[in-house]
Amino acid sequence: MLIKFVGPCASIALNIWKTHTENCQLHHVLMMINYDAIFFSQGLIDQLYFKPMYRTRSRWGRTPLAPFTILTFVLGYSLTSPQNYQQTGFLFFYPLYQDFSIRCLYTTGTWLWVYFVTWVMHYIANKKFSEGGYVILTGCALYAYVSHYFYIIIVAVAIIRPFKLDFIPALFVEMVLVNGFILITYALFVSIYMVAFPEEKKVKEEPAEPQNEPDNKPEGNDDKPEDEKPLVENEEGKEGEGDE
């Protein structure tokens, strides 16, 4: 389970070089790519050592460490929850905060939620419940990751700002509409792709029937000459001859 600390520690180390200098958008974009690379690297490590970690988690779940782990998560969430409204950078550049200590708490909180969501989804949703739903929900994961900011901005500019919605209604509208846009557009793109590049149906070719070759070999010993037939001796006859 110590492998789980690779990602959080790498993010904290990367925070040293993270700055919020103005007019350096390229730096911010490249840094976000580095943070994303850490997330992908941790995911790769988790897949390589999934079974040993799963066995360890299962053992821990049957010990007093289980409630202690839940309390630790709640404590970590309270410490890493972003409640500071000062020293913030641009909204769409991760991580958000300029101060190094707050930035480290922010990235650590991200890892807490990543691990929590991963374990919960593995427990309740690690099965193919529906073929169509499986393709849509799992296939659009990367598409949602790439495009969700675009739909967030559209909803904010077109609905939230003109109607001056408060935080709770705005959050509800963003969650519902953004996820709806992602699912609808992904299903549309998949439909267009399936029409443009239909799947080729593989026809199973039946194996050719073997041709019966004439068997020229004699069957049994019937066709053999009398001299070549094996001689079978009667054991009882032998015993009878010995008695005589």
C-alpha atoms as a PDB file:
ATOM      1  CA  MET A   1       0.000   0.000   0.000  1.00  0.00           C
ATOM      2  CA  LEU A   2       2.981   2.326   0.263  1.00  0.00           C
ATOM      3  CA  ILE A   3       2.869   2.549  -3.542  1.00  0.00           C
ATOM      4  CA  LYS A   4      -0.169   4.784  -3.090  1.00  0.00           C
ATOM      5  CA  PHE A   5       2.117   7.537  -1.791  1.00  0.00           C
ATOM      6  CA  VAL A   6       4.052   7.795  -5.064  1.00  0.00           C
ATOM      7  CA  GLY A   7       1.487  10.056  -6.753  1.00  0.00           C
ATOM      8  CA  PRO A   8       0.866  12.477  -3.847  1.00  0.00           C
ATOM      9  CA  CYS A   9       4.584  12.844  -3.146  1.00  0.00           C
ATOM     10  CA  ALA A  10       5.335  13.435  -6.837  1.00  0.00           C
ATOM     11  CA  SER A  11       2.642  16.137  -6.981  1.00  0.00           C
ATOM     12  CA  ILE A  12       4.090  17.845  -3.900  1.00  0.00           C
ATOM     13  CA  ALA A  13       7.545  17.776  -5.517  1.00  0.00           C
ATOM     14  CA  LEU A  14       6.104  19.254  -8.717  1.00  0.00           C
ATOM     15  CA  ASN A  15       4.502  22.075  -6.711  1.00  0.00           C
ATOM     16  CA  ILE A  16       7.988  23.498  -6.135  1.00  0.00           C
ATOM     17  CA  TRP A  17       8.212  24.556  -9.791  1.00  0.00           C
ATOM     18  CA  LYS A  18       4.610  25.675 -10.125  1.00  0.00           C
ATOM     19  CA  THR A  19       4.135  29.449 -10.356  1.00  0.00           C
ATOM     20  CA  HIS A  20       1.191  31.695 -11.190  1.00  0.00           C
ATOM     21  CA  THR A  21       3.122  34.283 -13.127  1.00  0.00           C
ATOM     22  CA  GLU A  22       0.874  36.380 -15.319  1.00  0.00           C
ATOM     23  CA  ASN A  23       1.051  36.117 -19.109  1.00  0.00           C
ATOM     24  CA  CYS A  24       2.754  32.704 -18.926  1.00  0.00           C
ATOM     25  CA  GLN A  25      -0.103  30.544 -20.187  1.00  0.00           C
ATOM     26  CA  LEU A  26       2.252  28.076 -21.849  1.00  0.00           C
ATOM     27  CA  HIS A  27       3.953  27.392 -18.523  1.00  0.00           C
ATOM     28  CA  HIS A  28       0.607  26.751 -16.831  1.00  0.00           C
ATOM     29  CA  VAL A  29      -0.578  24.424 -19.588  1.00  0.00           C
ATOM     30  CA  LEU A  30       2.660  22.415 -19.576  1.00  0.00           C
ATOM     31  CA  MET A  31       2.561  22.135 -15.790  1.00  0.00           C
ATOM     32  CA  MET A  32      -0.991  20.803 -15.931  1.00  0.00           C
ATOM     33  CA  ILE A  33       0.184  18.219 -18.448  1.00  0.00           C
ATOM     34  CA  ASN A  34       2.877  17.162 -15.966  1.00  0.00           C
ATOM     35  CA  TYR A  35       0.314  16.831 -13.186  1.00  0.00           C
ATOM     36  CA  ASP A  36      -1.875  14.742 -15.497  1.00  0.00           C
ATOM     37  CA  ALA A  37       1.137  12.560 -16.344  1.00  0.00           C
ATOM     38  CA  ILE A  38       1.558  11.849 -12.625  1.00  0.00           C
ATOM     39  CA  PHE A  39      -2.082  10.776 -12.377  1.00  0.00           C
ATOM     40  CA  PHE A  40      -1.690   8.447 -15.354  1.00  0.00           C
ATOM     41  CA  SER A  41       1.580   7.057 -13.974  1.00  0.00           C
ATOM     42  CA  GLN A  42      -0.013   6.278 -10.622  1.00  0.00           C
ATOM     43  CA  GLY A  43      -2.872   4.566 -12.435  1.00  0.00           C
ATOM     44  CA  LEU A  44      -0.393   2.423 -14.351  1.00  0.00           C
ATOM     45  CA  ILE A  45       1.379   1.443 -11.134  1.00  0.00           C
ATOM     46  CA  ASP A  46      -1.942   0.584  -9.513  1.00  0.00           C
ATOM     47  CA  GLN A  47      -2.825  -1.715 -12.413  1.00  0.00           C
ATOM     48  CA  LEU A  48       0.511  -3.509 -12.199  1.00  0.00           C
ATOM     49  CA  TYR A  49       0.153  -4.148  -8.452  1.00  0.00           C
ATOM     50  CA  PHE A  50      -3.634  -4.328  -8.308  1.00  0.00           C
ATOM     51  CA  LYS A  51      -3.997  -7.857  -6.904  1.00  0.00           C
ATOM     52  CA  PRO A  52      -1.497  -7.474  -4.029  1.00  0.00           C
ATOM     53  CA  MET A  53      -3.022  -4.117  -3.053  1.00  0.00           C
ATOM     54  CA  TYR A  54      -6.540  -5.537  -3.281  1.00  0.00           C
ATOM     55  CA  ARG A  55      -5.594  -8.411  -0.974  1.00  0.00           C
ATOM     56  CA  THR A  56      -4.061  -5.939   1.481  1.00  0.00           C
ATOM     57  CA  ARG A  57      -7.175  -3.747   1.442  1.00  0.00           C
ATOM     58  CA  SER A  58      -9.349  -6.801   1.986  1.00  0.00           C
ATOM     59  CA  ARG A  59      -7.293  -7.822   5.022  1.00  0.00           C
ATOM     60  CA  TRP A  60      -7.454  -4.289   6.413  1.00  0.00           C
ATOM     61  CA  GLY A  61     -11.212  -4.237   5.916  1.00  0.00           C
ATOM     62  CA  ARG A  62     -11.560  -7.116   8.372  1.00  0.00           C
ATOM     63  CA  THR A  63      -9.477  -5.420  11.086  1.00  0.00           C
ATOM     64  CA  PRO A  64      -9.956  -2.386  13.373  1.00  0.00           C
ATOM     65  CA  LEU A  65      -8.011  -0.402  10.773  1.00  0.00           C
ATOM     66  CA  ALA A  66     -11.194  -0.063   8.681  1.00  0.00           C
ATOM     67  CA  PRO A  67     -12.979   2.542  10.865  1.00  0.00           C
ATOM     68  CA  PHE A  68      -9.632   4.193  11.583  1.00  0.00           C
ATOM     69  CA  THR A  69      -9.093   4.577   7.813  1.00  0.00           C
ATOM     70  CA  ILE A  70     -12.500   6.238   7.424  1.00  0.00           C
ATOM     71  CA  LEU A  71     -11.709   8.693  10.225  1.00  0.00           C
ATOM     72  CA  THR A  72      -8.339   9.408   8.614  1.00  0.00           C
ATOM     73  CA  PHE A  73     -10.034  10.157   5.292  1.00  0.00           C
ATOM     74  CA  VAL A  74     -12.503  12.556   6.943  1.00  0.00           C
ATOM     75  CA  LEU A  75      -9.637  14.297   8.744  1.00  0.00           C
ATOM     76  CA  GLY A  76      -7.627  14.517   5.522  1.00  0.00           C
ATOM     77  CA  TYR A  77     -10.620  15.914   3.665  1.00  0.00           C
ATOM     78  CA  SER A  78     -11.143  18.590   6.321  1.00  0.00           C
ATOM     79  CA  LEU A  79      -7.486  19.617   6.098  1.00  0.00           C
ATOM     80  CA  THR A  80      -7.240  19.603   2.311  1.00  0.00           C
ATOM     81  CA  SER A  81     -10.644  21.046   1.434  1.00  0.00           C
ATOM     82  CA  PRO A  82     -10.090  24.281  -0.573  1.00  0.00           C
ATOM     83  CA  GLN A  83     -11.612  26.953   1.666  1.00  0.00           C
ATOM     84  CA  ASN A  84      -9.097  29.726   1.053  1.00  0.00           C
ATOM     85  CA  TYR A  85     -10.318  32.540  -1.212  1.00  0.00           C
ATOM     86  CA  GLN A  86      -7.021  34.421  -1.303  1.00  0.00           C
ATOM     87  CA  GLN A  87      -3.803  33.865  -3.244  1.00  0.00           C
ATOM     88  CA  THR A  88      -5.647  32.087  -6.009  1.00  0.00           C
ATOM     89  CA  GLY A  89      -4.516  31.951  -9.610  1.00  0.00           C
ATOM     90  CA  PHE A  90      -6.507  31.585 -12.801  1.00  0.00           C
ATOM     91  CA  LEU A  91      -9.578  29.406 -12.339  1.00  0.00           C
ATOM     92  CA  PHE A  92      -8.792  26.887 -15.104  1.00  0.00           C
ATOM     93  CA  PHE A  93      -5.142  26.238 -14.212  1.00  0.00           C
ATOM     94  CA  TYR A  94      -4.444  23.359 -11.833  1.00  0.00           C
ATOM     95  CA  PRO A  95      -3.497  23.654  -9.005  1.00  0.00           C
ATOM     96  CA  LEU A  96      -5.404  26.780  -8.152  1.00  0.00           C
ATOM     97  CA  TYR A  97      -3.435  28.339  -5.275  1.00  0.00           C
ATOM     98  CA  GLN A  98      -0.254  30.384  -5.306  1.00  0.00           C
ATOM     99  CA  ASP A  99       0.976  29.648  -1.781  1.00  0.00           C
ATOM    100  CA  PHE A 100       3.140  26.520  -1.693  1.00  0.00           C
ATOM    101  CA  SER A 101       1.725  25.033   1.532  1.00  0.00           C
ATOM    102  CA  ILE A 102      -1.897  25.534   0.461  1.00  0.00           C
ATOM    103  CA  ARG A 103      -1.021  24.184  -2.970  1.00  0.00           C
ATOM    104  CA  CYS A 104       0.373  20.991  -1.426  1.00  0.00           C
ATOM    105  CA  LEU A 105      -2.769  20.526   0.654  1.00  0.00           C
ATOM    106  CA  TYR A 106      -4.855  21.090  -2.470  1.00  0.00           C
ATOM    107  CA  THR A 107      -3.060  18.447  -4.555  1.00  0.00           C
ATOM    108  CA  THR A 108      -3.096  15.981  -1.645  1.00  0.00           C
ATOM    109  CA  GLY A 109      -6.851  16.434  -1.347  1.00  0.00           C
ATOM    110  CA  THR A 110      -7.164  15.653  -5.034  1.00  0.00           C
ATOM    111  CA  TRP A 111      -5.417  12.323  -4.468  1.00  0.00           C
ATOM    112  CA  LEU A 112      -7.674  11.515  -1.532  1.00  0.00           C
ATOM    113  CA  TRP A 113     -10.738  11.864  -3.744  1.00  0.00           C
ATOM    114  CA  VAL A 114      -9.121   9.979  -6.616  1.00  0.00           C
ATOM    115  CA  TYR A 115      -8.428   6.989  -4.373  1.00  0.00           C
ATOM    116  CA  PHE A 116     -11.857   7.181  -2.723  1.00  0.00           C
ATOM    117  CA  VAL A 117     -13.750   7.278  -6.025  1.00  0.00           C
ATOM    118  CA  THR A 118     -11.549   4.520  -7.511  1.00  0.00           C
ATOM    119  CA  TRP A 119     -12.140   2.110  -4.622  1.00  0.00           C
ATOM    120  CA  VAL A 120     -15.869   2.824  -4.415  1.00  0.00           C
ATOM    121  CA  MET A 121     -16.380   2.355  -8.157  1.00  0.00           C
ATOM    122  CA  HIS A 122     -14.368  -0.858  -8.106  1.00  0.00           C
ATOM    123  CA  TYR A 123     -16.646  -2.182  -5.367  1.00  0.00           C
ATOM    124  CA  ILE A 124     -20.048  -1.160  -6.805  1.00  0.00           C
ATOM    125  CA  ALA A 125     -19.542  -0.711 -10.555  1.00  0.00           C
ATOM    126  CA  ASN A 126     -16.797  -3.069 -11.717  1.00  0.00           C
ATOM    127  CA  LYS A 127     -19.054  -5.071 -14.017  1.00  0.00           C
ATOM    128  CA  LYS A 128     -20.676  -4.760 -17.417  1.00  0.00           C
ATOM    129  CA  PHE A 129     -24.270  -4.085 -16.331  1.00  0.00           C
ATOM    130  CA  SER A 130     -25.451  -3.120 -19.833  1.00  0.00           C
ATOM    131  CA  GLU A 131     -23.655  -3.380 -23.156  1.00  0.00           C
ATOM    132  CA  GLY A 132     -24.894  -0.026 -24.485  1.00  0.00           C
ATOM    133  CA  GLY A 133     -24.498   1.764 -21.163  1.00  0.00           C
ATOM    134  CA  TYR A 134     -21.041   0.266 -20.708  1.00  0.00           C
ATOM    135  CA  VAL A 135     -19.880   1.585 -24.084  1.00  0.00           C
ATOM    136  CA  ILE A 136     -21.289   5.071 -23.453  1.00  0.00           C
ATOM    137  CA  LEU A 137     -20.197   5.541 -19.840  1.00  0.00           C
ATOM    138  CA  THR A 138     -16.738   4.007 -20.047  1.00  0.00           C
ATOM    139  CA  GLY A 139     -15.954   5.091 -23.588  1.00  0.00           C
ATOM    140  CA  CYS A 140     -16.774   8.735 -22.932  1.00  0.00           C
ATOM    141  CA  ALA A 141     -14.567   8.960 -19.830  1.00  0.00           C
ATOM    142  CA  LEU A 142     -11.557  10.339 -21.701  1.00  0.00           C
ATOM    143  CA  TYR A 143     -13.817  12.475 -23.909  1.00  0.00           C
ATOM    144  CA  ALA A 144     -15.416  13.954 -20.770  1.00  0.00           C
ATOM    145  CA  TYR A 145     -11.991  14.629 -19.304  1.00  0.00           C
ATOM    146  CA  VAL A 146     -10.927  16.550 -22.417  1.00  0.00           C
ATOM    147  CA  SER A 147     -14.153  18.440 -23.128  1.00  0.00           C
ATOM    148  CA  HIS A 148     -15.814  19.168 -19.782  1.00  0.00           C
ATOM    149  CA  TYR A 149     -14.206  22.609 -19.374  1.00  0.00           C
ATOM    150  CA  PHE A 150     -15.619  23.637 -22.742  1.00  0.00           C
ATOM    151  CA  TYR A 151     -19.175  22.779 -21.708  1.00  0.00           C
ATOM    152  CA  ILE A 152     -18.675  24.341 -18.250  1.00  0.00           C
ATOM    153  CA  ILE A 153     -17.791  27.668 -19.866  1.00  0.00           C
ATOM    154  CA  ILE A 154     -20.716  27.465 -22.289  1.00  0.00           C
ATOM    155  CA  VAL A 155     -23.221  26.848 -19.477  1.00  0.00           C
ATOM    156  CA  ALA A 156     -21.675  29.554 -17.303  1.00  0.00           C
ATOM    157  CA  VAL A 157     -21.711  32.183 -20.070  1.00  0.00           C
ATOM    158  CA  ALA A 158     -25.093  31.285 -21.566  1.00  0.00           C
ATOM    159  CA  ILE A 159     -27.132  30.516 -18.420  1.00  0.00           C
ATOM    160  CA  ILE A 160     -25.495  31.168 -15.045  1.00  0.00           C
ATOM    161  CA  ARG A 161     -24.125  34.670 -15.618  1.00  0.00           C
ATOM    162  CA  PRO A 162     -27.123  36.127 -17.537  1.00  0.00           C
ATOM    163  CA  PHE A 163     -29.590  34.801 -14.928  1.00  0.00           C
ATOM    164  CA  LYS A 164     -27.233  35.587 -11.982  1.00  0.00           C
ATOM    165  CA  LEU A 165     -27.753  32.236 -10.302  1.00  0.00           C
ATOM    166  CA  ASP A 166     -26.513  31.641  -6.772  1.00  0.00           C
ATOM    167  CA  PHE A 167     -23.921  28.994  -5.941  1.00  0.00           C
ATOM    168  CA  ILE A 168     -26.203  26.024  -5.166  1.00  0.00           C
ATOM    169  CA  PRO A 169     -28.522  26.472  -8.188  1.00  0.00           C
ATOM    170  CA  ALA A 170     -25.519  27.177 -10.413  1.00  0.00           C
ATOM    171  CA  LEU A 171     -23.780  24.013  -9.194  1.00  0.00           C
ATOM    172  CA  PHE A 172     -26.885  21.945  -9.898  1.00  0.00           C
ATOM    173  CA  VAL A 173     -27.298  23.449 -13.380  1.00  0.00           C
ATOM    174  CA  GLU A 174     -23.621  22.899 -14.206  1.00  0.00           C
ATOM    175  CA  MET A 175     -23.624  19.276 -13.056  1.00  0.00           C
ATOM    176  CA  VAL A 176     -26.789  18.319 -14.903  1.00  0.00           C
ATOM    177  CA  LEU A 177     -26.232  20.201 -18.166  1.00  0.00           C
ATOM    178  CA  VAL A 178     -22.501  19.536 -18.519  1.00  0.00           C
ATOM    179  CA  ASN A 179     -22.890  15.790 -18.001  1.00  0.00           C
ATOM    180  CA  GLY A 180     -25.912  15.784 -20.305  1.00  0.00           C
ATOM    181  CA  PHE A 181     -23.973  17.584 -23.044  1.00  0.00           C
ATOM    182  CA  ILE A 182     -21.063  15.168 -22.684  1.00  0.00           C
ATOM    183  CA  LEU A 183     -23.241  12.044 -22.962  1.00  0.00           C
ATOM    184  CA  ILE A 184     -25.363  13.393 -25.834  1.00  0.00           C
ATOM    185  CA  THR A 185     -22.444  14.639 -27.925  1.00  0.00           C
ATOM    186  CA  TYR A 186     -20.431  11.482 -27.314  1.00  0.00           C
ATOM    187  CA  ALA A 187     -23.369   9.297 -28.373  1.00  0.00           C
ATOM    188  CA  LEU A 188     -23.756  11.498 -31.472  1.00  0.00           C
ATOM    189  CA  PHE A 189     -20.054  11.197 -32.351  1.00  0.00           C
ATOM    190  CA  VAL A 190     -20.157   7.419 -31.859  1.00  0.00           C
ATOM    191  CA  SER A 191     -23.240   7.144 -34.101  1.00  0.00           C
ATOM    192  CA  ILE A 192     -21.553   9.163 -36.841  1.00  0.00           C
ATOM    193  CA  TYR A 193     -18.429   7.033 -36.561  1.00  0.00           C
ATOM    194  CA  MET A 194     -20.421   3.800 -36.746  1.00  0.00           C
ATOM    195  CA  VAL A 195     -22.200   5.021 -39.895  1.00  0.00           C
ATOM    196  CA  ALA A 196     -18.973   6.202 -41.534  1.00  0.00           C
ATOM    197  CA  PHE A 197     -16.964   3.127 -40.547  1.00  0.00           C
ATOM    198  CA  PRO A 198     -19.345   0.196 -40.055  1.00  0.00           C
ATOM    199  CA  GLU A 199     -18.015  -2.921 -38.445  1.00  0.00           C
ATOM    200  CA  GLU A 200     -17.307  -5.785 -40.785  1.00  0.00           C
ATOM    201  CA  LYS A 201     -19.225  -8.873 -39.877  1.00  0.00           C
ATOM    202  CA  LYS A 202     -16.913 -11.809 -39.636  1.00  0.00           C
ATOM    203  CA  VAL A 203     -18.367 -14.850 -41.384  1.00  0.00           C
ATOM    204  CA  LYS A 204     -17.222 -18.072 -39.839  1.00  0.00           C
ATOM    205  CA  GLU A 205     -15.982 -20.405 -42.551  1.00  0.00           C
ATOM    206  CA  GLU A 206     -16.973 -23.993 -41.989  1.00  0.00           C
ATOM    207  CA  PRO A 207     -14.013 -26.350 -42.150  1.00  0.00           C
ATOM    208  CA  ALA A 208     -13.900 -28.484 -45.271  1.00  0.00           C
ATOM    209  CA  GLU A 209     -14.946 -32.054 -44.790  1.00  0.00           C
ATOM    210  CA  PRO A 210     -12.012 -34.470 -44.971  1.00  0.00           C
ATOM    211  CA  GLN A 211     -11.977 -36.617 -48.054  1.00  0.00           C
ATOM    212  CA  ASN A 212     -12.223 -40.323 -47.447  1.00  0.00           C
ATOM    213  CA  GLU A 213      -9.118 -41.900 -48.841  1.00  0.00           C
ATOM    214  CA  PRO A 214      -9.306 -45.557 -49.832  1.00  0.00           C
ATOM    215  CA  ASP A 215      -7.857 -47.735 -47.193  1.00  0.00           C
ATOM    216  CA  ASN A 216      -5.557 -50.226 -48.861  1.00  0.00           C
ATOM    217  CA  LYS A 217      -4.369 -51.709 -45.632  1.00  0.00           C
ATOM    218  CA  PRO A 218      -5.841 -55.085 -44.701  1.00  0.00           C
ATOM    219  CA  GLU A 219      -8.050 -55.046 -41.665  1.00  0.00           C
ATOM    220  CA  GLY A 220      -7.247 -57.497 -38.920  1.00  0.00           C
ATOM    221  CA  ASN A 221      -5.470 -60.741 -39.568  1.00  0.00           C
ATOM    222  CA  ASP A 222      -8.087 -62.280 -41.851  1.00  0.00           C
ATOM    223  CA  ASP A 223      -6.244 -61.495 -45.086  1.00  0.00           C
ATOM    224  CA  LYS A 224      -2.886 -62.624 -43.803  1.00  0.00           C
ATOM    225  CA  PRO A 225      -1.553 -65.998 -44.819  1.00  0.00           C
ATOM    226  CA  GLU A 226      -1.768 -68.808 -42.369  1.00  0.00           C
ATOM    227  CA  ASP A 227       1.976 -68.715 -41.732  1.00  0.00           C
ATOM    228  CA  GLU A 228       1.962 -65.041 -40.661  1.00  0.00           C
ATOM    229  CA  LYS A 229      -0.965 -65.328 -38.238  1.00  0.00           C
ATOM    230  CA  PRO A 230       0.108 -65.212 -34.566  1.00  0.00           C
ATOM    231  CA  LEU A 231      -0.106 -68.509 -32.838  1.00  0.00           C
ATOM    232  CA  VAL A 232      -2.242 -68.393 -29.678  1.00  0.00           C
ATOM    233  CA  GLU A 233      -1.507 -71.163 -27.267  1.00  0.00           C
ATOM    234  CA  ASN A 234      -4.094 -72.473 -24.939  1.00  0.00           C
ATOM    235  CA  GLU A 235      -2.754 -72.326 -21.418  1.00  0.00           C
ATOM    236  CA  GLU A 236      -5.306 -74.845 -20.234  1.00  0.00           C
ATOM    237  CA  GLY A 237      -4.188 -77.228 -22.974  1.00  0.00           C
ATOM    238  CA  LYS A 238      -0.610 -76.858 -21.803  1.00  0.00           C
ATOM    239  CA  GLU A 239      -1.566 -77.734 -18.278  1.00  0.00           C
ATOM    240  CA  GLY A 240      -3.548 -80.732 -19.591  1.00  0.00           C
ATOM    241  CA  GLU A 241      -0.553 -81.982 -21.544  1.00  0.00           C
ATOM    242  CA  GLY A 242       1.649 -81.691 -18.503  1.00  0.00           C
ATOM    243  CA  ASP A 243      -0.752 -83.782 -16.474  1.00  0.00           C
ATOM    244  CA  GLU A 244      -0.782 -86.509 -19.095  1.00  0.00           C
END
